[in-house]
């Protein structure tokens, strides 16, 4: 049975997960290259918001707070979405993200604030599409100038579905990047095996 993988992205009020707000969470269920389901949750975790961060993600904080959910209300929404997609409370979910080291601390804080147990719900095994892209450029497979999500998507001819710096748009993009990078790796592996056979 294939592991359960969820590609996700966050929009935040700054860089410090201990102090800055998680504002939105985008999630895409990834099943063997198929983007099976998606969810976006607007969050009010009462963290700090830096003006520069809001300029980047384009979030109007006043309007956002009118509809955003507290973690205690938002975590059950995510749990229900997982359950509706056949993922039981006993299934460990493997996380995938672009620059996952940034996003995971925000997700973990949010999850625990909402009454969940992050380390019980989500596997310690994680995938980072930025790290994968870096390794593939080092191997000469992915000739990109930088590793921003937009750059990698452009090289792989992946269209932007929505507005960049929206959590769900970026999660969709990262999910498609993950799929295409795996396809490239499989193709390169097949080519290498063919050369060895010669």
N, C-alpha and C. Protein backbone atom coordinates (compact mmCIF):
# COMPACT_ATOMS: atom_id res chain seq x y z
N UNK A 1 0.84 -1.20 0.00
CA UNK A 1 0.00 0.00 0.00
C UNK A 1 0.87 1.24 0.00
N UNK A 2 0.56 2.20 -0.89
CA UNK A 2 1.34 3.43 -0.98
C UNK A 2 1.13 4.27 0.27
N UNK A 3 2.18 4.96 0.72
CA UNK A 3 2.01 5.83 1.89
C UNK A 3 1.07 6.98 1.58
N UNK A 4 0.45 7.50 2.62
CA UNK A 4 -0.41 8.67 2.47
C UNK A 4 0.49 9.90 2.44
N UNK A 5 0.41 10.68 1.38
CA UNK A 5 1.23 11.89 1.28
C UNK A 5 0.33 13.10 1.08
N UNK A 6 0.60 14.13 1.85
CA UNK A 6 -0.11 15.39 1.72
C UNK A 6 0.91 16.48 1.43
N UNK A 7 0.71 17.14 0.30
CA UNK A 7 1.56 18.28 -0.07
C UNK A 7 0.89 19.52 0.52
N UNK A 8 1.68 20.36 1.18
CA UNK A 8 1.06 21.50 1.84
C UNK A 8 1.90 22.76 1.70
N UNK A 9 1.26 23.88 1.97
CA UNK A 9 1.95 25.16 1.99
C UNK A 9 1.29 26.04 3.04
N UNK A 10 2.05 26.97 3.57
CA UNK A 10 1.52 27.91 4.54
C UNK A 10 1.73 29.34 4.06
N UNK A 11 0.83 30.22 4.45
CA UNK A 11 1.07 31.66 4.37
C UNK A 11 1.09 32.16 5.80
N UNK A 12 2.09 32.96 6.10
CA UNK A 12 2.36 33.32 7.49
C UNK A 12 2.53 34.82 7.66
N UNK A 13 2.56 35.23 8.92
CA UNK A 13 2.76 36.63 9.24
C UNK A 13 4.21 37.00 9.49
N UNK A 14 5.12 36.11 9.13
CA UNK A 14 6.54 36.37 9.32
C UNK A 14 7.32 35.08 9.26
N UNK A 15 8.58 35.13 9.69
CA UNK A 15 9.47 33.99 9.56
C UNK A 15 9.60 33.15 10.83
N UNK A 16 9.14 33.66 11.95
CA UNK A 16 9.36 33.01 13.24
C UNK A 16 8.12 32.23 13.66
N UNK A 17 8.19 30.91 13.56
CA UNK A 17 7.02 30.09 13.86
C UNK A 17 6.61 30.18 15.32
N UNK A 18 7.52 30.55 16.20
CA UNK A 18 7.18 30.66 17.62
C UNK A 18 6.39 31.91 17.93
N UNK A 19 6.47 32.92 17.06
CA UNK A 19 5.82 34.19 17.36
C UNK A 19 4.86 34.66 16.27
N UNK A 20 5.22 34.41 15.01
CA UNK A 20 4.41 34.93 13.91
C UNK A 20 3.23 34.03 13.58
N UNK A 21 2.20 34.63 13.02
CA UNK A 21 0.94 33.93 12.77
C UNK A 21 1.04 32.97 11.59
N UNK A 22 0.33 31.85 11.70
CA UNK A 22 -0.04 31.06 10.54
C UNK A 22 -1.38 31.62 10.08
N UNK A 23 -1.45 32.07 8.83
CA UNK A 23 -2.65 32.72 8.32
C UNK A 23 -3.49 31.80 7.45
N UNK A 24 -2.83 30.99 6.66
CA UNK A 24 -3.60 30.04 5.83
C UNK A 24 -2.78 28.79 5.57
N UNK A 25 -3.51 27.73 5.35
CA UNK A 25 -2.92 26.41 5.15
C UNK A 25 -3.57 25.79 3.92
N UNK A 26 -2.75 25.43 2.94
CA UNK A 26 -3.23 24.75 1.75
C UNK A 26 -2.75 23.31 1.75
N UNK A 27 -3.66 22.37 1.46
CA UNK A 27 -3.33 20.94 1.51
C UNK A 27 -3.82 20.26 0.26
N UNK A 28 -2.98 19.40 -0.30
CA UNK A 28 -3.34 18.61 -1.48
C UNK A 28 -3.00 17.15 -1.18
N UNK A 29 -3.99 16.28 -1.31
CA UNK A 29 -3.76 14.85 -1.13
C UNK A 29 -3.15 14.30 -2.41
N UNK A 30 -1.96 13.70 -2.28
CA UNK A 30 -1.19 13.19 -3.43
C UNK A 30 -1.22 11.68 -3.39
N UNK A 31 -1.79 11.08 -4.43
CA UNK A 31 -1.85 9.62 -4.52
C UNK A 31 -1.20 9.16 -5.82
N UNK A 32 0.04 8.70 -5.74
CA UNK A 32 0.75 8.17 -6.91
C UNK A 32 0.69 9.10 -8.11
N UNK A 33 0.95 10.38 -7.87
CA UNK A 33 0.98 11.35 -8.95
C UNK A 33 -0.34 12.01 -9.26
N UNK A 34 -1.40 11.57 -8.62
CA UNK A 34 -2.72 12.16 -8.83
C UNK A 34 -3.04 13.09 -7.66
N UNK A 35 -3.46 14.32 -7.98
CA UNK A 35 -3.88 15.26 -6.95
C UNK A 35 -5.35 14.96 -6.65
N UNK A 36 -5.57 14.16 -5.60
CA UNK A 36 -6.87 13.53 -5.38
C UNK A 36 -7.89 14.45 -4.70
N UNK A 37 -7.42 15.36 -3.87
CA UNK A 37 -8.34 16.22 -3.13
C UNK A 37 -7.55 17.40 -2.59
N UNK A 38 -8.23 18.49 -2.28
CA UNK A 38 -7.52 19.65 -1.76
C UNK A 38 -8.39 20.39 -0.76
N UNK A 39 -7.72 21.20 0.05
CA UNK A 39 -8.39 21.95 1.10
C UNK A 39 -7.58 23.20 1.41
N UNK A 40 -8.27 24.30 1.63
CA UNK A 40 -7.62 25.51 2.14
C UNK A 40 -8.34 25.95 3.40
N UNK A 41 -7.57 26.25 4.44
CA UNK A 41 -8.12 26.67 5.72
C UNK A 41 -7.50 28.02 6.08
N UNK A 42 -8.35 28.99 6.38
CA UNK A 42 -7.89 30.30 6.86
C UNK A 42 -7.83 30.25 8.38
N UNK A 43 -6.71 30.71 8.93
CA UNK A 43 -6.43 30.49 10.36
C UNK A 43 -6.21 31.81 11.07
N UNK A 44 -6.70 31.87 12.30
CA UNK A 44 -6.38 32.96 13.22
C UNK A 44 -5.80 32.35 14.48
N UNK A 45 -4.48 32.25 14.53
CA UNK A 45 -3.84 31.66 15.72
C UNK A 45 -3.34 32.74 16.67
N UNK A 46 -3.73 34.00 16.38
CA UNK A 46 -3.44 35.15 17.24
C UNK A 46 -1.94 35.45 17.34
N UNK A 47 -1.19 34.99 16.32
CA UNK A 47 0.23 35.32 16.26
C UNK A 47 0.46 36.69 15.67
N UNK A 48 1.70 37.12 15.71
CA UNK A 48 2.07 38.44 15.20
C UNK A 48 2.15 38.42 13.68
N UNK A 49 1.85 39.56 13.06
CA UNK A 49 1.94 39.71 11.61
C UNK A 49 2.84 40.89 11.27
N UNK A 50 3.87 40.63 10.47
CA UNK A 50 4.78 41.67 10.03
C UNK A 50 4.25 42.29 8.73
N UNK A 51 4.30 43.62 8.60
CA UNK A 51 3.80 44.27 7.38
C UNK A 51 4.43 43.74 6.10
N UNK A 52 5.73 43.45 6.13
CA UNK A 52 6.40 42.95 4.93
C UNK A 52 5.84 41.60 4.50
N UNK A 53 5.54 40.73 5.47
CA UNK A 53 4.98 39.42 5.14
C UNK A 53 3.61 39.57 4.50
N UNK A 54 2.80 40.50 4.99
CA UNK A 54 1.46 40.71 4.43
C UNK A 54 1.55 41.30 3.03
N UNK A 55 2.57 42.10 2.78
CA UNK A 55 2.76 42.63 1.42
C UNK A 55 3.09 41.50 0.44
N UNK A 56 3.88 40.55 0.90
CA UNK A 56 4.27 39.44 0.03
C UNK A 56 3.08 38.54 -0.28
N UNK A 57 2.33 38.15 0.75
CA UNK A 57 1.23 37.20 0.50
C UNK A 57 -0.09 37.86 0.13
N UNK A 58 -0.13 39.19 0.20
CA UNK A 58 -1.31 39.91 -0.26
C UNK A 58 -2.54 39.72 0.60
N UNK A 59 -2.36 39.30 1.83
CA UNK A 59 -3.50 39.07 2.72
C UNK A 59 -3.92 40.37 3.39
N UNK A 60 -5.20 40.69 3.28
CA UNK A 60 -5.80 41.82 3.99
C UNK A 60 -6.18 41.32 5.37
N UNK A 61 -5.43 41.70 6.37
CA UNK A 61 -5.58 41.10 7.69
C UNK A 61 -6.96 41.37 8.29
N UNK A 62 -7.47 42.56 8.08
CA UNK A 62 -8.78 42.89 8.64
C UNK A 62 -9.86 41.98 8.07
N UNK A 63 -9.86 41.81 6.75
CA UNK A 63 -10.84 40.93 6.11
C UNK A 63 -10.59 39.46 6.47
N UNK A 64 -9.33 39.10 6.55
CA UNK A 64 -8.95 37.72 6.88
C UNK A 64 -9.52 37.30 8.23
N UNK A 65 -9.37 38.17 9.23
CA UNK A 65 -9.77 37.82 10.58
C UNK A 65 -11.28 37.70 10.75
N UNK A 66 -12.03 38.23 9.79
CA UNK A 66 -13.50 38.11 9.86
C UNK A 66 -13.95 36.67 9.62
N UNK A 67 -13.15 35.90 8.88
CA UNK A 67 -13.58 34.55 8.48
C UNK A 67 -12.63 33.45 8.95
N UNK A 68 -11.45 33.82 9.43
CA UNK A 68 -10.45 32.82 9.82
C UNK A 68 -10.88 32.08 11.07
N UNK A 69 -10.45 30.82 11.16
CA UNK A 69 -10.80 29.95 12.28
C UNK A 69 -9.67 29.88 13.30
N UNK A 70 -10.05 29.82 14.57
CA UNK A 70 -9.06 29.53 15.60
C UNK A 70 -8.55 28.10 15.42
N UNK A 71 -7.32 27.82 15.85
CA UNK A 71 -6.80 26.46 15.68
C UNK A 71 -7.71 25.38 16.23
N UNK A 72 -8.36 25.64 17.36
CA UNK A 72 -9.23 24.63 17.96
C UNK A 72 -10.41 24.29 17.06
N UNK A 73 -10.79 25.20 16.17
CA UNK A 73 -11.85 24.94 15.20
C UNK A 73 -11.30 24.48 13.85
N UNK A 74 -10.08 24.90 13.53
CA UNK A 74 -9.51 24.60 12.22
C UNK A 74 -8.94 23.19 12.14
N UNK A 75 -8.31 22.72 13.20
CA UNK A 75 -7.72 21.37 13.18
C UNK A 75 -8.78 20.30 12.91
N UNK A 76 -9.97 20.36 13.53
CA UNK A 76 -11.00 19.37 13.19
C UNK A 76 -11.44 19.41 11.73
N UNK A 77 -11.37 20.58 11.10
CA UNK A 77 -11.70 20.69 9.67
C UNK A 77 -10.71 19.87 8.85
N UNK A 78 -9.43 19.97 9.20
CA UNK A 78 -8.40 19.19 8.48
C UNK A 78 -8.58 17.70 8.78
N UNK A 79 -8.84 17.38 10.03
CA UNK A 79 -9.05 15.97 10.40
C UNK A 79 -10.22 15.38 9.62
N UNK A 80 -11.31 16.14 9.50
CA UNK A 80 -12.48 15.66 8.76
C UNK A 80 -12.13 15.45 7.30
N UNK A 81 -11.37 16.38 6.72
CA UNK A 81 -10.96 16.26 5.32
C UNK A 81 -10.13 14.99 5.12
N UNK A 82 -9.21 14.73 6.03
CA UNK A 82 -8.43 13.49 5.93
C UNK A 82 -9.34 12.28 6.02
N UNK A 83 -10.25 12.28 6.98
CA UNK A 83 -11.16 11.16 7.14
C UNK A 83 -12.07 10.96 5.94
N UNK A 84 -12.56 12.07 5.38
CA UNK A 84 -13.42 11.98 4.20
C UNK A 84 -12.69 11.39 3.00
N UNK A 85 -11.36 11.45 3.02
CA UNK A 85 -10.55 10.90 1.94
C UNK A 85 -9.98 9.52 2.29
N UNK A 86 -10.60 8.88 3.28
CA UNK A 86 -10.22 7.50 3.59
C UNK A 86 -8.98 7.35 4.43
N UNK A 87 -8.54 8.43 5.08
CA UNK A 87 -7.34 8.37 5.90
C UNK A 87 -7.77 8.27 7.36
N UNK A 88 -7.49 7.15 7.98
CA UNK A 88 -7.95 6.92 9.35
C UNK A 88 -7.04 7.64 10.34
N UNK A 89 -7.51 7.68 11.57
CA UNK A 89 -6.71 8.31 12.63
C UNK A 89 -5.42 7.55 12.89
N UNK A 90 -5.34 6.29 12.40
CA UNK A 90 -4.15 5.47 12.65
C UNK A 90 -3.14 5.56 11.51
N UNK A 91 -3.54 6.16 10.39
CA UNK A 91 -2.62 6.29 9.25
C UNK A 91 -1.66 7.44 9.48
N UNK A 92 -0.39 7.18 9.36
CA UNK A 92 0.59 8.26 9.43
C UNK A 92 0.64 8.99 8.09
N UNK A 93 0.61 10.28 8.14
CA UNK A 93 0.61 11.09 6.92
C UNK A 93 2.02 11.62 6.69
N UNK A 94 2.57 11.37 5.50
CA UNK A 94 3.87 11.91 5.13
C UNK A 94 3.66 13.27 4.47
N UNK A 95 4.39 14.25 4.94
CA UNK A 95 4.25 15.62 4.45
C UNK A 95 5.25 15.90 3.34
N UNK A 96 4.80 16.68 2.36
CA UNK A 96 5.64 17.13 1.26
C UNK A 96 5.43 18.64 1.14
N UNK A 97 6.51 19.39 0.93
CA UNK A 97 6.38 20.84 0.74
C UNK A 97 7.61 21.36 0.02
N UNK A 98 7.49 22.57 -0.50
CA UNK A 98 8.62 23.25 -1.12
C UNK A 98 9.24 24.13 -0.04
N UNK A 99 10.45 23.78 0.38
CA UNK A 99 11.12 24.40 1.53
C UNK A 99 10.39 24.00 2.81
N UNK A 100 10.31 22.71 3.02
CA UNK A 100 9.52 22.15 4.11
C UNK A 100 10.03 22.56 5.48
N UNK A 101 11.31 22.86 5.58
CA UNK A 101 11.87 23.28 6.86
C UNK A 101 11.25 24.57 7.38
N UNK A 102 10.76 25.40 6.48
CA UNK A 102 10.07 26.62 6.89
C UNK A 102 8.65 26.32 7.35
N UNK A 103 7.95 25.49 6.59
CA UNK A 103 6.52 25.29 6.82
C UNK A 103 6.19 24.40 8.01
N UNK A 104 6.99 23.36 8.25
CA UNK A 104 6.64 22.39 9.30
C UNK A 104 6.51 23.02 10.68
N UNK A 105 7.42 23.91 11.12
CA UNK A 105 7.24 24.49 12.46
C UNK A 105 5.92 25.25 12.62
N UNK A 106 5.47 25.92 11.56
CA UNK A 106 4.18 26.62 11.64
C UNK A 106 3.04 25.62 11.73
N UNK A 107 3.11 24.55 10.94
CA UNK A 107 2.06 23.53 10.98
C UNK A 107 2.04 22.84 12.34
N UNK A 108 3.21 22.53 12.87
CA UNK A 108 3.27 21.83 14.15
C UNK A 108 2.68 22.69 15.27
N UNK A 109 3.05 23.96 15.30
CA UNK A 109 2.51 24.85 16.34
C UNK A 109 1.00 24.95 16.22
N UNK A 110 0.50 25.14 15.00
CA UNK A 110 -0.94 25.24 14.75
C UNK A 110 -1.65 23.97 15.21
N UNK A 111 -1.10 22.83 14.84
CA UNK A 111 -1.74 21.54 15.14
C UNK A 111 -1.83 21.32 16.66
N UNK A 112 -0.77 21.63 17.34
CA UNK A 112 -0.75 21.43 18.78
C UNK A 112 -1.65 22.45 19.50
N UNK A 113 -1.69 23.69 19.00
CA UNK A 113 -2.60 24.69 19.57
C UNK A 113 -4.05 24.26 19.41
N UNK A 114 -4.33 23.55 18.32
CA UNK A 114 -5.69 23.10 18.06
C UNK A 114 -6.07 21.83 18.78
N UNK A 115 -5.21 21.34 19.65
CA UNK A 115 -5.54 20.16 20.44
C UNK A 115 -5.10 18.84 19.83
N UNK A 116 -4.43 18.91 18.67
CA UNK A 116 -3.93 17.69 18.05
C UNK A 116 -2.56 17.31 18.57
N UNK A 117 -2.10 16.15 18.19
CA UNK A 117 -0.75 15.69 18.53
C UNK A 117 0.01 15.54 17.21
N UNK A 118 0.79 16.54 16.89
CA UNK A 118 1.43 16.62 15.59
C UNK A 118 2.26 15.38 15.28
N UNK A 119 3.05 14.95 16.22
CA UNK A 119 3.98 13.85 15.93
C UNK A 119 3.30 12.49 15.86
N UNK A 120 2.09 12.43 16.39
CA UNK A 120 1.32 11.19 16.25
C UNK A 120 0.56 11.16 14.92
N UNK A 121 0.16 12.33 14.45
CA UNK A 121 -0.64 12.41 13.23
C UNK A 121 0.21 12.37 11.96
N UNK A 122 1.38 13.03 12.02
CA UNK A 122 2.21 13.18 10.83
C UNK A 122 3.53 12.42 11.00
N UNK A 123 3.91 11.71 9.95
CA UNK A 123 5.11 10.89 9.97
C UNK A 123 6.37 11.76 10.06
N UNK A 124 7.42 11.18 10.65
CA UNK A 124 8.71 11.87 10.65
C UNK A 124 9.36 11.84 9.27
N UNK A 125 8.85 10.98 8.38
CA UNK A 125 9.37 10.92 7.01
C UNK A 125 8.71 12.02 6.18
N UNK A 126 9.52 12.89 5.62
CA UNK A 126 9.02 14.04 4.89
C UNK A 126 9.78 14.20 3.58
N UNK A 127 9.17 14.91 2.65
CA UNK A 127 9.79 15.17 1.36
C UNK A 127 9.83 16.68 1.12
N UNK A 128 10.95 17.17 0.62
CA UNK A 128 11.08 18.59 0.28
C UNK A 128 11.39 18.72 -1.20
N UNK A 129 10.50 19.34 -1.94
CA UNK A 129 10.72 19.48 -3.38
C UNK A 129 11.88 20.44 -3.68
N UNK A 130 12.15 21.38 -2.77
CA UNK A 130 13.29 22.26 -2.98
C UNK A 130 14.60 21.48 -2.87
N UNK A 131 14.71 20.63 -1.87
CA UNK A 131 15.91 19.79 -1.71
C UNK A 131 16.05 18.85 -2.90
N UNK A 132 14.94 18.26 -3.32
CA UNK A 132 14.98 17.36 -4.46
C UNK A 132 15.44 18.09 -5.72
N UNK A 133 14.93 19.30 -5.94
CA UNK A 133 15.34 20.09 -7.10
C UNK A 133 16.81 20.46 -7.03
N UNK A 134 17.29 20.78 -5.84
CA UNK A 134 18.71 21.12 -5.66
C UNK A 134 19.60 19.94 -6.04
N UNK A 135 19.25 18.77 -5.56
CA UNK A 135 20.04 17.57 -5.87
C UNK A 135 20.00 17.26 -7.36
N UNK A 136 18.85 17.48 -7.97
CA UNK A 136 18.74 17.18 -9.40
C UNK A 136 19.52 18.18 -10.25
N UNK A 137 19.59 19.45 -9.79
CA UNK A 137 20.44 20.40 -10.51
C UNK A 137 21.91 20.02 -10.36
N UNK A 138 22.29 19.61 -9.15
CA UNK A 138 23.67 19.19 -8.92
C UNK A 138 24.05 18.00 -9.80
N UNK A 139 23.06 17.16 -10.11
CA UNK A 139 23.29 15.98 -10.95
C UNK A 139 23.19 16.30 -12.44
N UNK A 140 22.89 17.57 -12.76
CA UNK A 140 22.80 17.97 -14.16
C UNK A 140 21.49 17.63 -14.83
N UNK A 141 20.47 17.32 -14.02
CA UNK A 141 19.18 16.90 -14.57
C UNK A 141 18.20 18.07 -14.66
N UNK A 142 18.38 19.07 -13.82
CA UNK A 142 17.42 20.16 -13.72
C UNK A 142 18.16 21.49 -13.80
N UNK A 143 18.38 22.03 -15.00
CA UNK A 143 19.19 23.25 -15.16
C UNK A 143 18.39 24.53 -14.87
N UNK A 144 18.11 24.77 -13.58
CA UNK A 144 17.37 25.97 -13.20
C UNK A 144 18.33 26.97 -12.55
N UNK A 145 17.97 28.25 -12.61
CA UNK A 145 18.83 29.30 -12.08
C UNK A 145 18.69 29.46 -10.58
N UNK A 146 17.53 29.12 -10.04
CA UNK A 146 17.32 29.16 -8.60
C UNK A 146 16.23 28.13 -8.26
N UNK A 147 15.90 28.03 -6.99
CA UNK A 147 15.01 26.95 -6.57
C UNK A 147 13.68 27.46 -6.03
N UNK A 148 13.34 28.70 -6.37
CA UNK A 148 12.01 29.19 -6.01
C UNK A 148 10.96 28.35 -6.71
N UNK A 149 9.82 28.18 -6.04
CA UNK A 149 8.76 27.36 -6.61
C UNK A 149 8.37 27.83 -8.00
N UNK A 150 8.25 29.13 -8.17
CA UNK A 150 7.85 29.69 -9.47
C UNK A 150 8.86 29.32 -10.56
N UNK A 151 10.15 29.36 -10.23
CA UNK A 151 11.20 29.04 -11.21
C UNK A 151 11.13 27.58 -11.62
N UNK A 152 11.01 26.69 -10.64
CA UNK A 152 10.97 25.26 -10.94
C UNK A 152 9.71 24.91 -11.72
N UNK A 153 8.58 25.52 -11.34
CA UNK A 153 7.34 25.29 -12.09
C UNK A 153 7.48 25.73 -13.54
N UNK A 154 8.09 26.88 -13.74
CA UNK A 154 8.26 27.40 -15.10
C UNK A 154 9.12 26.47 -15.95
N UNK A 155 10.23 25.96 -15.38
CA UNK A 155 11.08 25.05 -16.13
C UNK A 155 10.34 23.77 -16.51
N UNK A 156 9.50 23.30 -15.61
CA UNK A 156 8.77 22.05 -15.84
C UNK A 156 7.46 22.26 -16.60
N UNK A 157 7.23 23.50 -17.04
CA UNK A 157 6.01 23.85 -17.80
C UNK A 157 4.73 23.54 -17.03
N UNK A 158 4.76 23.84 -15.75
CA UNK A 158 3.58 23.66 -14.89
C UNK A 158 2.89 25.01 -14.76
N UNK A 159 1.64 25.11 -15.17
CA UNK A 159 0.93 26.39 -15.07
C UNK A 159 0.58 26.73 -13.63
N UNK A 160 0.51 28.02 -13.34
CA UNK A 160 0.07 28.48 -12.03
C UNK A 160 -1.45 28.46 -12.00
N UNK A 161 -2.02 27.72 -11.07
CA UNK A 161 -3.47 27.61 -10.96
C UNK A 161 -3.93 28.46 -9.78
N UNK A 162 -4.15 29.75 -10.03
CA UNK A 162 -4.53 30.67 -8.97
C UNK A 162 -3.47 31.73 -8.79
N UNK A 163 -3.41 32.31 -7.61
CA UNK A 163 -2.48 33.39 -7.31
C UNK A 163 -1.31 32.85 -6.50
N UNK A 164 -0.09 33.09 -7.00
CA UNK A 164 1.09 32.69 -6.23
C UNK A 164 1.09 33.39 -4.88
N UNK A 165 1.66 32.76 -3.89
CA UNK A 165 1.65 33.20 -2.49
C UNK A 165 0.25 33.08 -1.90
N UNK A 166 -0.57 32.24 -2.51
CA UNK A 166 -1.76 31.72 -1.85
C UNK A 166 -1.40 30.30 -1.42
N UNK A 167 -1.78 29.92 -0.21
CA UNK A 167 -1.34 28.61 0.31
C UNK A 167 -1.81 27.47 -0.58
N UNK A 168 -3.05 27.52 -1.05
CA UNK A 168 -3.55 26.41 -1.87
C UNK A 168 -2.90 26.41 -3.25
N UNK A 169 -2.74 27.58 -3.85
CA UNK A 169 -2.07 27.66 -5.16
C UNK A 169 -0.65 27.09 -5.06
N UNK A 170 0.08 27.46 -4.03
CA UNK A 170 1.45 27.00 -3.89
C UNK A 170 1.51 25.51 -3.53
N UNK A 171 0.53 25.02 -2.77
CA UNK A 171 0.49 23.58 -2.48
C UNK A 171 0.22 22.80 -3.77
N UNK A 172 -0.71 23.30 -4.60
CA UNK A 172 -0.96 22.64 -5.89
C UNK A 172 0.32 22.62 -6.73
N UNK A 173 0.99 23.78 -6.78
CA UNK A 173 2.21 23.85 -7.57
C UNK A 173 3.28 22.89 -7.06
N UNK A 174 3.45 22.83 -5.75
CA UNK A 174 4.44 21.92 -5.17
C UNK A 174 4.08 20.46 -5.45
N UNK A 175 2.78 20.14 -5.43
CA UNK A 175 2.35 18.77 -5.72
C UNK A 175 2.68 18.40 -7.15
N UNK A 176 2.45 19.32 -8.08
CA UNK A 176 2.76 19.03 -9.49
C UNK A 176 4.27 18.98 -9.72
N UNK A 177 5.02 19.83 -9.03
CA UNK A 177 6.48 19.77 -9.11
C UNK A 177 6.98 18.42 -8.59
N UNK A 178 6.44 17.96 -7.48
CA UNK A 178 6.84 16.66 -6.92
C UNK A 178 6.61 15.55 -7.94
N UNK A 179 5.44 15.58 -8.56
CA UNK A 179 5.11 14.56 -9.57
C UNK A 179 6.09 14.60 -10.73
N UNK A 180 6.37 15.79 -11.24
CA UNK A 180 7.24 15.92 -12.41
C UNK A 180 8.69 15.59 -12.08
N UNK A 181 9.15 15.96 -10.91
CA UNK A 181 10.53 15.62 -10.53
C UNK A 181 10.69 14.11 -10.40
N UNK A 182 9.69 13.44 -9.85
CA UNK A 182 9.75 11.98 -9.78
C UNK A 182 9.77 11.36 -11.17
N UNK A 183 9.00 11.94 -12.07
CA UNK A 183 8.96 11.43 -13.45
C UNK A 183 10.33 11.60 -14.11
N UNK A 184 10.95 12.76 -13.87
CA UNK A 184 12.29 12.99 -14.43
C UNK A 184 13.29 12.00 -13.87
N UNK A 185 13.22 11.74 -12.57
CA UNK A 185 14.14 10.80 -11.94
C UNK A 185 13.96 9.40 -12.51
N UNK A 186 12.73 8.99 -12.70
CA UNK A 186 12.48 7.65 -13.25
C UNK A 186 13.02 7.55 -14.67
N UNK A 187 12.85 8.62 -15.44
CA UNK A 187 13.35 8.63 -16.82
C UNK A 187 14.87 8.56 -16.83
N UNK A 188 15.50 9.33 -15.95
CA UNK A 188 16.96 9.31 -15.88
C UNK A 188 17.46 7.94 -15.43
N UNK A 189 16.74 7.32 -14.49
CA UNK A 189 17.13 5.99 -14.02
C UNK A 189 17.01 4.97 -15.15
N UNK A 190 15.94 5.10 -15.94
CA UNK A 190 15.78 4.20 -17.08
C UNK A 190 16.88 4.39 -18.12
N UNK A 191 17.25 5.64 -18.36
CA UNK A 191 18.35 5.92 -19.30
C UNK A 191 19.66 5.33 -18.80
N UNK A 192 19.90 5.47 -17.49
CA UNK A 192 21.14 4.96 -16.91
C UNK A 192 21.19 3.45 -17.01
N UNK A 193 20.06 2.80 -16.74
CA UNK A 193 20.03 1.34 -16.85
C UNK A 193 20.23 0.89 -18.28
N UNK A 194 19.69 1.67 -19.23
CA UNK A 194 19.89 1.35 -20.63
C UNK A 194 21.35 1.45 -21.04
N UNK A 195 22.03 2.49 -20.52
CA UNK A 195 23.46 2.66 -20.84
C UNK A 195 24.28 1.53 -20.23
N UNK A 196 23.90 1.12 -19.01
CA UNK A 196 24.62 0.01 -18.37
C UNK A 196 24.43 -1.28 -19.15
N UNK A 197 23.22 -1.46 -19.71
CA UNK A 197 22.95 -2.68 -20.48
C UNK A 197 23.81 -2.76 -21.73
N UNK A 198 24.15 -1.59 -22.27
CA UNK A 198 25.02 -1.56 -23.45
C UNK A 198 26.43 -1.99 -23.09
